[in-house]
Amino acid sequence: MKSIIALAAAAGTLLAAAPAFASPECTKEPKEKWLSEDAMKAKATELGYKAEVFKVEGNCYEIYGYNKDGKAVEVYFNPVTGAVVEEEIEEKK
């Protein structure tokens, strides 16, 4: 019985944490209105980012790479405007 309660508690914790792993809300516009991937890559470069990985995540463009200061970053962009929605600077370990 204790193991069932512990398992239920662990599952509840994981479900409560699930939104923390979701990408941000970048746009509600349809993909037909998005910048092309090439245009977004160019925009990111103009903003000082060097993308190592570029992908679509949810309704965002996302890069893993480096900012203008050479720090490792994960950045989410609005795919319609190219604006930065969220940036996370990787901490050195």
Protein backbone atom coordinates (compact mmCIF):
# COMPACT_ATOMS: atom_id res chain seq x y z
CA MET A 1 0.00 0.00 0.00
CA LYS A 2 2.84 2.40 0.86
CA SER A 3 4.44 1.80 -2.54
CA ILE A 4 1.18 2.67 -4.32
CA ILE A 5 0.92 5.93 -2.37
CA ALA A 6 4.57 6.74 -3.10
CA LEU A 7 4.07 5.97 -6.81
CA ALA A 8 0.96 8.16 -6.94
CA ALA A 9 2.82 11.00 -5.22
CA ALA A 10 5.73 10.71 -7.65
CA ALA A 11 3.37 10.73 -10.64
CA GLY A 12 1.61 13.80 -9.27
CA THR A 13 4.92 15.59 -8.88
CA LEU A 14 5.91 14.80 -12.47
CA LEU A 15 2.57 15.99 -13.81
CA ALA A 16 2.79 19.21 -11.82
CA ALA A 17 6.28 19.85 -13.21
CA ALA A 18 5.32 19.10 -16.83
CA PRO A 19 4.45 22.73 -17.74
CA ALA A 20 7.97 23.77 -16.71
CA PHE A 21 9.34 21.68 -19.58
CA ALA A 22 7.03 23.14 -22.22
CA SER A 23 8.22 25.71 -24.70
CA PRO A 24 6.85 29.24 -24.28
CA GLU A 25 3.88 30.58 -26.21
CA CYS A 26 5.51 32.44 -29.12
CA THR A 27 2.62 33.04 -31.52
CA LYS A 28 -0.90 32.01 -32.38
CA GLU A 29 -0.45 32.87 -36.04
CA PRO A 30 -0.62 30.08 -38.63
CA LYS A 31 2.64 28.81 -40.13
CA GLU A 32 1.83 30.53 -43.42
CA LYS A 33 2.59 33.84 -41.66
CA TRP A 34 5.91 32.68 -40.16
CA LEU A 35 9.26 33.91 -41.42
CA SER A 36 11.04 31.27 -43.46
CA GLU A 37 13.69 29.30 -41.58
CA ASP A 38 16.40 31.01 -43.65
CA ALA A 39 14.98 34.46 -42.81
CA MET A 40 14.81 33.57 -39.11
CA LYS A 41 18.39 32.26 -39.14
CA ALA A 42 19.49 35.55 -40.73
CA LYS A 43 17.53 37.53 -38.13
CA ALA A 44 19.13 35.55 -35.28
CA THR A 45 22.56 36.27 -36.76
CA GLU A 46 21.69 40.00 -36.97
CA LEU A 47 20.75 39.86 -33.28
CA GLY A 48 24.20 38.47 -32.47
CA TYR A 49 23.41 34.76 -32.09
CA LYS A 50 25.40 31.92 -33.58
CA ALA A 51 23.10 28.91 -33.97
CA GLU A 52 24.52 25.42 -33.55
CA VAL A 53 21.02 23.88 -33.63
CA PHE A 54 17.96 25.48 -35.21
CA LYS A 55 14.51 23.92 -34.91
CA VAL A 56 10.78 24.44 -34.57
CA GLU A 57 9.60 23.82 -31.01
CA GLY A 58 5.86 24.12 -30.50
CA ASN A 59 4.89 27.46 -31.99
CA CYS A 60 8.41 28.92 -31.74
CA TYR A 61 11.67 28.90 -33.57
CA GLU A 62 14.38 27.74 -31.17
CA ILE A 63 18.15 27.80 -31.32
CA TYR A 64 20.89 26.31 -29.22
CA GLY A 65 24.09 28.23 -29.73
CA TYR A 66 25.95 31.30 -28.54
CA ASN A 67 25.08 34.92 -27.89
CA LYS A 68 27.18 37.92 -28.89
CA ASP A 69 29.20 37.52 -25.66
CA GLY A 70 30.09 33.93 -26.55
CA LYS A 71 27.90 32.44 -23.81
CA ALA A 72 26.00 29.24 -24.55
CA VAL A 73 22.27 29.95 -24.88
CA GLU A 74 18.90 28.43 -25.64
CA VAL A 75 16.66 31.02 -27.30
CA TYR A 76 12.99 30.95 -28.36
CA PHE A 77 11.86 33.37 -31.06
CA ASN A 78 8.48 34.58 -32.23
CA PRO A 79 8.41 33.03 -35.72
CA VAL A 80 6.32 35.87 -37.17
CA THR A 81 8.31 38.87 -35.94
CA GLY A 82 11.67 37.28 -35.12
CA ALA A 83 11.60 38.83 -31.64
CA VAL A 84 13.23 37.01 -28.73
CA VAL A 85 10.53 35.50 -26.50
CA GLU A 86 12.78 33.74 -24.01
CA GLU A 87 16.53 33.32 -23.59
CA GLU A 88 18.29 31.02 -21.18
CA ILE A 89 22.02 31.43 -20.67
CA GLU A 90 23.70 28.13 -19.85
CA GLU A 91 25.58 28.21 -16.57
CA LYS A 92 29.09 26.82 -16.52
CA LYS A 93 29.37 23.60 -14.57
